Amino acid sequence: MITMMKISVVAMVPIMTIAGLLLKPGLITKGVFITAIVVEFFMAFLVSDYYENN
């Protein structure tokens, strides 16, 4: 279960970035890309931490 949640969380951010590129290519800058990577790792950490505690 944990592995599936990690895969879902890790796959979500690139999908959102690609969707953003398709909708508004001018909005995706270097800062947005770096922020997306940071958010991805933060969400993966939260999911891992949640399932370790439960």
PDB file of N, CA and C in Angstrom:
ATOM      1  N   MET A   1       0.826  -1.201   0.000  1.00  0.00           N
ATOM      2  CA  MET A   1       0.000   0.000   0.000  1.00  0.00           C
ATOM      3  C   MET A   1       0.864   1.257   0.000  1.00  0.00           C
ATOM      4  N   ILE A   2       1.920   1.243   0.827  1.00  0.00           N
ATOM      5  CA  ILE A   2       2.783   2.423   0.912  1.00  0.00           C
ATOM      6  C   ILE A   2       3.449   2.692  -0.434  1.00  0.00           C
ATOM      7  N   THR A   3       3.913   1.638  -1.086  1.00  0.00           N
ATOM      8  CA  THR A   3       4.589   1.816  -2.370  1.00  0.00           C
ATOM      9  C   THR A   3       3.649   2.424  -3.399  1.00  0.00           C
ATOM     10  N   MET A   4       2.416   1.984  -3.402  1.00  0.00           N
ATOM     11  CA  MET A   4       1.451   2.519  -4.365  1.00  0.00           C
ATOM     12  C   MET A   4       1.174   3.991  -4.103  1.00  0.00           C
ATOM     13  N   MET A   5       1.080   4.367  -2.820  1.00  0.00           N
ATOM     14  CA  MET A   5       0.854   5.774  -2.478  1.00  0.00           C
ATOM     15  C   MET A   5       2.043   6.627  -2.894  1.00  0.00           C
ATOM     16  N   LYS A   6       3.264   6.116  -2.677  1.00  0.00           N
ATOM     17  CA  LYS A   6       4.459   6.871  -3.070  1.00  0.00           C
ATOM     18  C   LYS A   6       4.478   7.074  -4.579  1.00  0.00           C
ATOM     19  N   ILE A   7       4.145   6.032  -5.324  1.00  0.00           N
ATOM     20  CA  ILE A   7       4.130   6.140  -6.785  1.00  0.00           C
ATOM     21  C   ILE A   7       3.088   7.165  -7.217  1.00  0.00           C
ATOM     22  N   SER A   8       1.929   7.147  -6.576  1.00  0.00           N
ATOM     23  CA  SER A   8       0.875   8.101  -6.926  1.00  0.00           C
ATOM     24  C   SER A   8       1.309   9.534  -6.662  1.00  0.00           C
ATOM     25  N   VAL A   9       1.934   9.756  -5.503  1.00  0.00           N
ATOM     26  CA  VAL A   9       2.369  11.106  -5.140  1.00  0.00           C
ATOM     27  C   VAL A   9       3.481  11.574  -6.063  1.00  0.00           C
ATOM     28  N   VAL A  10       4.453  10.700  -6.326  1.00  0.00           N
ATOM     29  CA  VAL A  10       5.585  11.083  -7.160  1.00  0.00           C
ATOM     30  C   VAL A  10       5.146  11.317  -8.603  1.00  0.00           C
ATOM     31  N   ALA A  11       4.144  10.587  -9.066  1.00  0.00           N
ATOM     32  CA  ALA A  11       3.678  10.747 -10.444  1.00  0.00           C
ATOM     33  C   ALA A  11       2.786  11.971 -10.620  1.00  0.00           C
ATOM     34  N   MET A  12       2.212  12.462  -9.530  1.00  0.00           N
ATOM     35  CA  MET A  12       1.246  13.553  -9.639  1.00  0.00           C
ATOM     36  C   MET A  12       1.898  14.861 -10.087  1.00  0.00           C
ATOM     37  N   VAL A  13       3.052  15.200  -9.523  1.00  0.00           N
ATOM     38  CA  VAL A  13       3.671  16.496  -9.825  1.00  0.00           C
ATOM     39  C   VAL A  13       4.111  16.597 -11.285  1.00  0.00           C
ATOM     40  N   PRO A  14       4.796  15.587 -11.860  1.00  0.00           N
ATOM     41  CA  PRO A  14       5.130  15.704 -13.289  1.00  0.00           C
ATOM     42  C   PRO A  14       3.898  15.794 -14.186  1.00  0.00           C
ATOM     43  N   ILE A  15       2.841  15.093 -13.819  1.00  0.00           N
ATOM     44  CA  ILE A  15       1.610  15.167 -14.611  1.00  0.00           C
ATOM     45  C   ILE A  15       1.036  16.576 -14.555  1.00  0.00           C
ATOM     46  N   MET A  16       1.065  17.193 -13.361  1.00  0.00           N
ATOM     47  CA  MET A  16       0.573  18.563 -13.231  1.00  0.00           C
ATOM     48  C   MET A  16       1.450  19.529 -14.027  1.00  0.00           C
ATOM     49  N   THR A  17       2.770  19.305 -14.010  1.00  0.00           N
ATOM     50  CA  THR A  17       3.682  20.177 -14.758  1.00  0.00           C
ATOM     51  C   THR A  17       3.437  20.060 -16.256  1.00  0.00           C
ATOM     52  N   ILE A  18       3.267  18.839 -16.747  1.00  0.00           N
ATOM     53  CA  ILE A  18       3.006  18.631 -18.178  1.00  0.00           C
ATOM     54  C   ILE A  18       1.671  19.262 -18.567  1.00  0.00           C
ATOM     55  N   ALA A  19       0.668  19.116 -17.702  1.00  0.00           N
ATOM     56  CA  ALA A  19      -0.631  19.732 -17.987  1.00  0.00           C
ATOM     57  C   ALA A  19      -0.493  21.248 -18.045  1.00  0.00           C
ATOM     58  N   GLY A  20       0.306  21.809 -17.143  1.00  0.00           N
ATOM     59  CA  GLY A  20       0.551  23.253 -17.167  1.00  0.00           C
ATOM     60  C   GLY A  20       1.257  23.691 -18.432  1.00  0.00           C
ATOM     61  N   LEU A  21       2.215  22.890 -18.885  1.00  0.00           N
ATOM     62  CA  LEU A  21       2.923  23.204 -20.136  1.00  0.00           C
ATOM     63  C   LEU A  21       1.966  23.203 -21.322  1.00  0.00           C
ATOM     64  N   LEU A  22       1.053  22.243 -21.325  1.00  0.00           N
ATOM     65  CA  LEU A  22       0.109  22.170 -22.437  1.00  0.00           C
ATOM     66  C   LEU A  22      -0.867  23.342 -22.425  1.00  0.00           C
ATOM     67  N   LEU A  23      -1.275  23.769 -21.226  1.00  0.00           N
ATOM     68  CA  LEU A  23      -2.253  24.850 -21.130  1.00  0.00           C
ATOM     69  C   LEU A  23      -1.622  26.227 -21.333  1.00  0.00           C
ATOM     70  N   LYS A  24      -0.536  26.500 -20.622  1.00  0.00           N
ATOM     71  CA  LYS A  24       0.117  27.817 -20.686  1.00  0.00           C
ATOM     72  C   LYS A  24       1.633  27.629 -20.656  1.00  0.00           C
ATOM     73  N   PRO A  25       2.273  27.420 -21.785  1.00  0.00           N
ATOM     74  CA  PRO A  25       3.719  27.173 -21.801  1.00  0.00           C
ATOM     75  C   PRO A  25       4.539  28.324 -21.219  1.00  0.00           C
ATOM     76  N   GLY A  26       4.055  29.548 -21.319  1.00  0.00           N
ATOM     77  CA  GLY A  26       4.812  30.689 -20.820  1.00  0.00           C
ATOM     78  C   GLY A  26       4.875  30.774 -19.311  1.00  0.00           C
ATOM     79  N   LEU A  27       3.977  30.068 -18.621  1.00  0.00           N
ATOM     80  CA  LEU A  27       3.947  30.145 -17.167  1.00  0.00           C
ATOM     81  C   LEU A  27       4.986  29.254 -16.493  1.00  0.00           C
ATOM     82  N   ILE A  28       5.457  28.232 -17.192  1.00  0.00           N
ATOM     83  CA  ILE A  28       6.409  27.303 -16.598  1.00  0.00           C
ATOM     84  C   ILE A  28       7.812  27.881 -16.754  1.00  0.00           C
ATOM     85  N   THR A  29       8.378  28.308 -15.644  1.00  0.00           N
ATOM     86  CA  THR A  29       9.731  28.859 -15.635  1.00  0.00           C
ATOM     87  C   THR A  29      10.619  27.974 -14.777  1.00  0.00           C
ATOM     88  N   LYS A  30      11.878  28.370 -14.659  1.00  0.00           N
ATOM     89  CA  LYS A  30      12.821  27.601 -13.853  1.00  0.00           C
ATOM     90  C   LYS A  30      12.367  27.539 -12.397  1.00  0.00           C
ATOM     91  N   GLY A  31      11.869  28.646 -11.876  1.00  0.00           N
ATOM     92  CA  GLY A  31      11.406  28.681 -10.491  1.00  0.00           C
ATOM     93  C   GLY A  31      10.230  27.762 -10.244  1.00  0.00           C
ATOM     94  N   VAL A  32       9.308  27.722 -11.180  1.00  0.00           N
ATOM     95  CA  VAL A  32       8.141  26.846 -11.048  1.00  0.00           C
ATOM     96  C   VAL A  32       8.580  25.390 -11.093  1.00  0.00           C
ATOM     97  N   PHE A  33       9.540  25.071 -11.948  1.00  0.00           N
ATOM     98  CA  PHE A  33      10.040  23.701 -12.052  1.00  0.00           C
ATOM     99  C   PHE A  33      10.701  23.268 -10.746  1.00  0.00           C
ATOM    100  N   ILE A  34      11.539  24.131 -10.178  1.00  0.00           N
ATOM    101  CA  ILE A  34      12.211  23.812  -8.915  1.00  0.00           C
ATOM    102  C   ILE A  34      11.185  23.672  -7.793  1.00  0.00           C
ATOM    103  N   THR A  35      10.201  24.549  -7.770  1.00  0.00           N
ATOM    104  CA  THR A  35       9.146  24.462  -6.756  1.00  0.00           C
ATOM    105  C   THR A  35       8.378  23.153  -6.882  1.00  0.00           C
ATOM    106  N   ALA A  36       8.104  22.718  -8.104  1.00  0.00           N
ATOM    107  CA  ALA A  36       7.391  21.454  -8.315  1.00  0.00           C
ATOM    108  C   ALA A  36       8.196  20.277  -7.778  1.00  0.00           C
ATOM    109  N   ILE A  37       9.510  20.297  -7.974  1.00  0.00           N
ATOM    110  CA  ILE A  37      10.356  19.216  -7.460  1.00  0.00           C
ATOM    111  C   ILE A  37      10.346  19.208  -5.933  1.00  0.00           C
ATOM    112  N   VAL A  38      10.456  20.390  -5.324  1.00  0.00           N
ATOM    113  CA  VAL A  38      10.434  20.479  -3.859  1.00  0.00           C
ATOM    114  C   VAL A  38       9.100  19.979  -3.310  1.00  0.00           C
ATOM    115  N   VAL A  39       8.007  20.386  -3.941  1.00  0.00           N
ATOM    116  CA  VAL A  39       6.677  19.939  -3.501  1.00  0.00           C
ATOM    117  C   VAL A  39       6.551  18.428  -3.635  1.00  0.00           C
ATOM    118  N   GLU A  40       7.093  17.866  -4.708  1.00  0.00           N
ATOM    119  CA  GLU A  40       7.025  16.426  -4.919  1.00  0.00           C
ATOM    120  C   GLU A  40       7.712  15.679  -3.787  1.00  0.00           C
ATOM    121  N   PHE A  41       8.931  16.091  -3.433  1.00  0.00           N
ATOM    122  CA  PHE A  41       9.642  15.410  -2.359  1.00  0.00           C
ATOM    123  C   PHE A  41       8.958  15.620  -1.008  1.00  0.00           C
ATOM    124  N   PHE A  42       8.405  16.805  -0.779  1.00  0.00           N
ATOM    125  CA  PHE A  42       7.701  17.078   0.468  1.00  0.00           C
ATOM    126  C   PHE A  42       6.468  16.189   0.598  1.00  0.00           C
ATOM    127  N   MET A  43       5.715  16.040  -0.475  1.00  0.00           N
ATOM    128  CA  MET A  43       4.518  15.197  -0.435  1.00  0.00           C
ATOM    129  C   MET A  43       4.887  13.731  -0.240  1.00  0.00           C
ATOM    130  N   ALA A  44       5.960  13.271  -0.881  1.00  0.00           N
ATOM    131  CA  ALA A  44       6.409  11.890  -0.692  1.00  0.00           C
ATOM    132  C   ALA A  44       6.815  11.661   0.758  1.00  0.00           C
ATOM    133  N   PHE A  45       7.485  12.647   1.361  1.00  0.00           N
ATOM    134  CA  PHE A  45       7.869  12.539   2.768  1.00  0.00           C
ATOM    135  C   PHE A  45       6.636  12.479   3.666  1.00  0.00           C
ATOM    136  N   LEU A  46       5.641  13.322   3.393  1.00  0.00           N
ATOM    137  CA  LEU A  46       4.425  13.320   4.212  1.00  0.00           C
ATOM    138  C   LEU A  46       3.697  11.984   4.137  1.00  0.00           C
ATOM    139  N   VAL A  47       3.608  11.417   2.944  1.00  0.00           N
ATOM    140  CA  VAL A  47       2.934  10.126   2.786  1.00  0.00           C
ATOM    141  C   VAL A  47       3.700   9.041   3.526  1.00  0.00           C
ATOM    142  N   SER A  48       5.026   9.032   3.404  1.00  0.00           N
ATOM    143  CA  SER A  48       5.842   8.032   4.091  1.00  0.00           C
ATOM    144  C   SER A  48       5.697   8.169   5.601  1.00  0.00           C
ATOM    145  N   ASP A  49       5.753   9.401   6.091  1.00  0.00           N
ATOM    146  CA  ASP A  49       5.655   9.650   7.526  1.00  0.00           C
ATOM    147  C   ASP A  49       4.283   9.255   8.055  1.00  0.00           C
ATOM    148  N   TYR A  50       3.239   9.537   7.306  1.00  0.00           N
ATOM    149  CA  TYR A  50       1.876   9.199   7.729  1.00  0.00           C
ATOM    150  C   TYR A  50       1.708   7.692   7.881  1.00  0.00           C
ATOM    151  N   TYR A  51       2.210   6.926   6.923  1.00  0.00           N
ATOM    152  CA  TYR A  51       2.027   5.482   6.984  1.00  0.00           C
ATOM    153  C   TYR A  51       2.973   4.813   7.970  1.00  0.00           C
ATOM    154  N   GLU A  52       4.090   5.454   8.328  1.00  0.00           N
ATOM    155  CA  GLU A  52       4.951   4.913   9.374  1.00  0.00           C
ATOM    156  C   GLU A  52       4.276   5.044  10.731  1.00  0.00           C
ATOM    157  N   ASN A  53       3.555   6.137  10.943  1.00  0.00           N
ATOM    158  CA  ASN A  53       2.908   6.376  12.232  1.00  0.00           C
ATOM    159  C   ASN A  53       1.638   5.558  12.413  1.00  0.00           C
ATOM    160  N   ASN A  54       1.015   5.137  11.346  1.00  0.00           N
ATOM    161  CA  ASN A  54      -0.253   4.387  11.459  1.00  0.00           C
ATOM    162  C   ASN A  54      -0.054   2.913  11.217  1.00  0.00           C
TER     163      ASN A  54
END
